Amino acid sequence: MLQYFHGMTAVWVVLIVVFLIIEGAAPGLVSIWFALGALAALISALLGAQLWLQCVWFVVVSLLALIATRPLAKKYVNSKTQATNADMLIGQECIVTETIDKLRGTGAVTVGGKVWTARADGEETVIEEGSVAVVERIEGVKLIVRRKS
């Protein structure tokens, strides 16, 4: 019976190491919660708990750690979105400062006091310099515009 618990002790140690390696290799927090759960299961194994109780400790501690810290981790560690004011340009009128030619891939507009490269939206292929256009969307660093009707 004692050898059985030593076997599970080794399993929990291996799982802790695996989860920590994954955590170290992956960007952001991805498996630290499971390493904590495995640590709780290891402690219960060392105290002589049965396998089902070790598994319960693993699941419960992993879930509690995940629930308690995941919102903070998403907010501070894994935040890949960078807020900009560029979305405010959508729907704004702009002046075409360089003829927009979809086939040649050229064009620029001025909106909000800044010059942006621009492309025509939809079927329209050319919007002449000096025309008024409306920003439909942003793709990368280009404004997609349509001629104002």
C-alpha atoms as a PDB file:
ATOM      1  CA  MET A   1       0.000   0.000   0.000  1.00  0.00           C
ATOM      2  CA  LEU A   2       2.803   2.444   0.854  1.00  0.00           C
ATOM      3  CA  GLN A   3       4.449   1.742  -2.514  1.00  0.00           C
ATOM      4  CA  TYR A   4       1.191   2.675  -4.254  1.00  0.00           C
ATOM      5  CA  PHE A   5       1.300   6.136  -2.672  1.00  0.00           C
ATOM      6  CA  HIS A   6       4.954   6.547  -3.659  1.00  0.00           C
ATOM      7  CA  GLY A   7       3.935   5.741  -7.237  1.00  0.00           C
ATOM      8  CA  MET A   8       1.252   8.437  -7.184  1.00  0.00           C
ATOM      9  CA  THR A   9       3.681  10.826  -5.541  1.00  0.00           C
ATOM     10  CA  ALA A  10       5.950  10.410  -8.551  1.00  0.00           C
ATOM     11  CA  VAL A  11       3.017  10.967 -10.925  1.00  0.00           C
ATOM     12  CA  TRP A  12       2.070  14.224  -9.208  1.00  0.00           C
ATOM     13  CA  VAL A  13       5.697  15.428  -9.197  1.00  0.00           C
ATOM     14  CA  VAL A  14       5.979  14.651 -12.922  1.00  0.00           C
ATOM     15  CA  LEU A  15       2.715  16.505 -13.593  1.00  0.00           C
ATOM     16  CA  ILE A  16       3.917  19.540 -11.635  1.00  0.00           C
ATOM     17  CA  VAL A  17       7.132  19.593 -13.667  1.00  0.00           C
ATOM     18  CA  VAL A  18       5.256  19.172 -16.973  1.00  0.00           C
ATOM     19  CA  PHE A  19       2.803  21.962 -16.150  1.00  0.00           C
ATOM     20  CA  LEU A  20       5.646  24.272 -15.096  1.00  0.00           C
ATOM     21  CA  ILE A  21       7.575  23.531 -18.310  1.00  0.00           C
ATOM     22  CA  ILE A  22       4.462  24.316 -20.352  1.00  0.00           C
ATOM     23  CA  GLU A  23       4.001  27.509 -18.342  1.00  0.00           C
ATOM     24  CA  GLY A  24       7.593  28.543 -18.984  1.00  0.00           C
ATOM     25  CA  ALA A  25       7.416  27.801 -22.699  1.00  0.00           C
ATOM     26  CA  ALA A  26       4.035  29.386 -23.448  1.00  0.00           C
ATOM     27  CA  PRO A  27       3.416  33.119 -23.579  1.00  0.00           C
ATOM     28  CA  GLY A  28       1.157  34.291 -20.787  1.00  0.00           C
ATOM     29  CA  LEU A  29      -0.394  32.163 -18.082  1.00  0.00           C
ATOM     30  CA  VAL A  30      -1.706  28.853 -19.395  1.00  0.00           C
ATOM     31  CA  SER A  31      -1.060  26.008 -16.963  1.00  0.00           C
ATOM     32  CA  ILE A  32       0.035  27.395 -13.608  1.00  0.00           C
ATOM     33  CA  TRP A  33      -3.394  26.553 -12.153  1.00  0.00           C
ATOM     34  CA  PHE A  34      -2.916  22.870 -12.928  1.00  0.00           C
ATOM     35  CA  ALA A  35       0.543  22.914 -11.380  1.00  0.00           C
ATOM     36  CA  LEU A  36      -1.077  24.227  -8.182  1.00  0.00           C
ATOM     37  CA  GLY A  37      -3.716  21.493  -8.370  1.00  0.00           C
ATOM     38  CA  ALA A  38      -1.022  18.856  -8.840  1.00  0.00           C
ATOM     39  CA  LEU A  39       0.826  20.283  -5.831  1.00  0.00           C
ATOM     40  CA  ALA A  40      -2.332  19.938  -3.714  1.00  0.00           C
ATOM     41  CA  ALA A  41      -2.751  16.349  -4.934  1.00  0.00           C
ATOM     42  CA  LEU A  42       0.921  15.630  -4.163  1.00  0.00           C
ATOM     43  CA  ILE A  43       0.482  16.889  -0.609  1.00  0.00           C
ATOM     44  CA  SER A  44      -2.623  14.729  -0.168  1.00  0.00           C
ATOM     45  CA  ALA A  45      -0.714  11.719  -1.569  1.00  0.00           C
ATOM     46  CA  LEU A  46       2.118  12.319   0.896  1.00  0.00           C
ATOM     47  CA  LEU A  47      -0.461  12.421   3.693  1.00  0.00           C
ATOM     48  CA  GLY A  48      -1.814   9.050   2.596  1.00  0.00           C
ATOM     49  CA  ALA A  49      -5.048  10.074   0.850  1.00  0.00           C
ATOM     50  CA  GLN A  50      -6.714   7.618  -1.513  1.00  0.00           C
ATOM     51  CA  LEU A  51      -6.398   8.137  -5.258  1.00  0.00           C
ATOM     52  CA  TRP A  52      -9.953   9.446  -5.668  1.00  0.00           C
ATOM     53  CA  LEU A  53      -9.316  12.097  -3.005  1.00  0.00           C
ATOM     54  CA  GLN A  54      -6.035  13.095  -4.637  1.00  0.00           C
ATOM     55  CA  CYS A  55      -7.890  13.563  -7.937  1.00  0.00           C
ATOM     56  CA  VAL A  56     -10.587  15.600  -6.199  1.00  0.00           C
ATOM     57  CA  TRP A  57      -7.928  17.852  -4.671  1.00  0.00           C
ATOM     58  CA  PHE A  58      -6.290  18.250  -8.084  1.00  0.00           C
ATOM     59  CA  VAL A  59      -9.553  19.253  -9.780  1.00  0.00           C
ATOM     60  CA  VAL A  60     -10.867  21.477  -6.979  1.00  0.00           C
ATOM     61  CA  VAL A  61      -7.627  23.405  -6.392  1.00  0.00           C
ATOM     62  CA  SER A  62      -7.017  23.792 -10.151  1.00  0.00           C
ATOM     63  CA  LEU A  63     -10.525  25.146 -10.700  1.00  0.00           C
ATOM     64  CA  LEU A  64     -10.409  27.468  -7.694  1.00  0.00           C
ATOM     65  CA  ALA A  65      -7.025  28.849  -8.755  1.00  0.00           C
ATOM     66  CA  LEU A  66      -8.299  29.278 -12.305  1.00  0.00           C
ATOM     67  CA  ILE A  67     -11.505  31.017 -11.218  1.00  0.00           C
ATOM     68  CA  ALA A  68      -9.680  33.266  -8.757  1.00  0.00           C
ATOM     69  CA  THR A  69      -6.863  34.405 -11.025  1.00  0.00           C
ATOM     70  CA  ARG A  70      -7.957  34.001 -14.672  1.00  0.00           C
ATOM     71  CA  PRO A  71      -9.755  37.373 -14.921  1.00  0.00           C
ATOM     72  CA  LEU A  72      -6.670  39.157 -13.572  1.00  0.00           C
ATOM     73  CA  ALA A  73      -4.374  37.149 -15.818  1.00  0.00           C
ATOM     74  CA  LYS A  74      -6.425  38.001 -18.898  1.00  0.00           C
ATOM     75  CA  LYS A  75      -6.493  41.669 -17.960  1.00  0.00           C
ATOM     76  CA  TYR A  76      -2.825  42.158 -17.109  1.00  0.00           C
ATOM     77  CA  VAL A  77      -0.820  39.336 -18.681  1.00  0.00           C
ATOM     78  CA  ASN A  78      -2.551  38.115 -21.829  1.00  0.00           C
ATOM     79  CA  SER A  79      -3.891  41.450 -23.055  1.00  0.00           C
ATOM     80  CA  LYS A  80      -2.955  41.576 -26.723  1.00  0.00           C
ATOM     81  CA  THR A  81      -5.463  44.237 -27.712  1.00  0.00           C
ATOM     82  CA  GLN A  82      -4.138  47.743 -27.773  1.00  0.00           C
ATOM     83  CA  ALA A  83      -6.830  50.365 -27.673  1.00  0.00           C
ATOM     84  CA  THR A  84      -6.593  53.148 -30.232  1.00  0.00           C
ATOM     85  CA  ASN A  85      -8.772  56.030 -31.269  1.00  0.00           C
ATOM     86  CA  ALA A  86      -8.652  54.908 -34.901  1.00  0.00           C
ATOM     87  CA  ASP A  87     -12.105  53.318 -34.670  1.00  0.00           C
ATOM     88  CA  MET A  88     -13.504  56.797 -34.129  1.00  0.00           C
ATOM     89  CA  LEU A  89     -12.686  57.508 -37.791  1.00  0.00           C
ATOM     90  CA  ILE A  90     -15.329  55.076 -39.046  1.00  0.00           C
ATOM     91  CA  GLY A  91     -18.216  57.053 -40.500  1.00  0.00           C
ATOM     92  CA  GLN A  92     -16.165  60.263 -40.679  1.00  0.00           C
ATOM     93  CA  GLU A  93     -15.913  62.321 -43.859  1.00  0.00           C
ATOM     94  CA  CYS A  94     -12.461  62.691 -45.375  1.00  0.00           C
ATOM     95  CA  ILE A  95     -10.850  64.551 -48.287  1.00  0.00           C
ATOM     96  CA  VAL A  96      -9.038  62.507 -50.939  1.00  0.00           C
ATOM     97  CA  THR A  97      -5.528  63.999 -51.144  1.00  0.00           C
ATOM     98  CA  GLU A  98      -4.153  61.457 -53.637  1.00  0.00           C
ATOM     99  CA  THR A  99      -6.386  59.794 -56.212  1.00  0.00           C
ATOM    100  CA  ILE A 100      -7.531  56.420 -54.928  1.00  0.00           C
ATOM    101  CA  ASP A 101      -6.971  53.788 -57.607  1.00  0.00           C
ATOM    102  CA  LYS A 102      -7.854  50.261 -56.549  1.00  0.00           C
ATOM    103  CA  LEU A 103      -6.047  48.666 -59.498  1.00  0.00           C
ATOM    104  CA  ARG A 104      -2.786  50.546 -58.881  1.00  0.00           C
ATOM    105  CA  GLY A 105      -3.051  50.285 -55.105  1.00  0.00           C
ATOM    106  CA  THR A 106      -2.628  54.029 -54.581  1.00  0.00           C
ATOM    107  CA  GLY A 107      -4.514  56.658 -52.674  1.00  0.00           C
ATOM    108  CA  ALA A 108      -4.547  58.826 -49.595  1.00  0.00           C
ATOM    109  CA  VAL A 109      -7.068  60.798 -47.592  1.00  0.00           C
ATOM    110  CA  THR A 110      -6.968  63.393 -44.849  1.00  0.00           C
ATOM    111  CA  VAL A 111      -9.237  62.877 -41.871  1.00  0.00           C
ATOM    112  CA  GLY A 112      -8.961  64.312 -38.395  1.00  0.00           C
ATOM    113  CA  GLY A 113      -5.915  66.319 -39.457  1.00  0.00           C
ATOM    114  CA  LYS A 114      -3.920  63.210 -40.389  1.00  0.00           C
ATOM    115  CA  VAL A 115      -3.048  61.672 -43.747  1.00  0.00           C
ATOM    116  CA  TRP A 116      -3.923  57.995 -44.211  1.00  0.00           C
ATOM    117  CA  THR A 117      -3.362  55.619 -47.089  1.00  0.00           C
ATOM    118  CA  ALA A 118      -6.729  54.652 -48.462  1.00  0.00           C
ATOM    119  CA  ARG A 119      -8.429  52.126 -50.712  1.00  0.00           C
ATOM    120  CA  ALA A 120     -11.865  52.240 -52.318  1.00  0.00           C
ATOM    121  CA  ASP A 121     -14.620  50.032 -50.953  1.00  0.00           C
ATOM    122  CA  GLY A 122     -16.810  47.762 -53.059  1.00  0.00           C
ATOM    123  CA  GLU A 123     -17.137  48.089 -56.847  1.00  0.00           C
ATOM    124  CA  GLU A 124     -15.703  51.597 -56.995  1.00  0.00           C
ATOM    125  CA  THR A 125     -12.161  51.512 -58.401  1.00  0.00           C
ATOM    126  CA  VAL A 126     -11.197  55.214 -58.642  1.00  0.00           C
ATOM    127  CA  ILE A 127     -11.994  58.191 -56.403  1.00  0.00           C
ATOM    128  CA  GLU A 128     -10.461  61.432 -57.663  1.00  0.00           C
ATOM    129  CA  GLU A 129      -8.263  63.787 -55.653  1.00  0.00           C
ATOM    130  CA  GLY A 130     -10.337  66.518 -53.990  1.00  0.00           C
ATOM    131  CA  SER A 131     -13.410  64.304 -53.616  1.00  0.00           C
ATOM    132  CA  VAL A 132     -15.190  63.842 -50.303  1.00  0.00           C
ATOM    133  CA  ALA A 133     -15.337  60.257 -49.063  1.00  0.00           C
ATOM    134  CA  VAL A 134     -16.607  58.439 -45.983  1.00  0.00           C
ATOM    135  CA  VAL A 135     -14.523  56.000 -43.940  1.00  0.00           C
ATOM    136  CA  GLU A 136     -16.180  52.562 -43.994  1.00  0.00           C
ATOM    137  CA  ARG A 137     -13.610  50.548 -42.029  1.00  0.00           C
ATOM    138  CA  ILE A 138      -9.931  50.166 -41.211  1.00  0.00           C
ATOM    139  CA  GLU A 139      -7.812  47.281 -42.510  1.00  0.00           C
ATOM    140  CA  GLY A 140      -4.369  47.333 -40.981  1.00  0.00           C
ATOM    141  CA  VAL A 141      -3.080  50.892 -41.525  1.00  0.00           C
ATOM    142  CA  LYS A 142      -5.351  51.664 -44.481  1.00  0.00           C
ATOM    143  CA  LEU A 143      -8.723  53.320 -44.464  1.00  0.00           C
ATOM    144  CA  ILE A 144     -11.332  51.735 -46.683  1.00  0.00           C
ATOM    145  CA  VAL A 145     -13.509  54.535 -47.997  1.00  0.00           C
ATOM    146  CA  ARG A 146     -16.455  55.125 -50.327  1.00  0.00           C
ATOM    147  CA  ARG A 147     -17.300  58.251 -52.289  1.00  0.00           C
ATOM    148  CA  LYS A 148     -19.802  60.396 -50.398  1.00  0.00           C
ATOM    149  CA  SER A 149     -23.105  60.346 -52.252  1.00  0.00           C
END
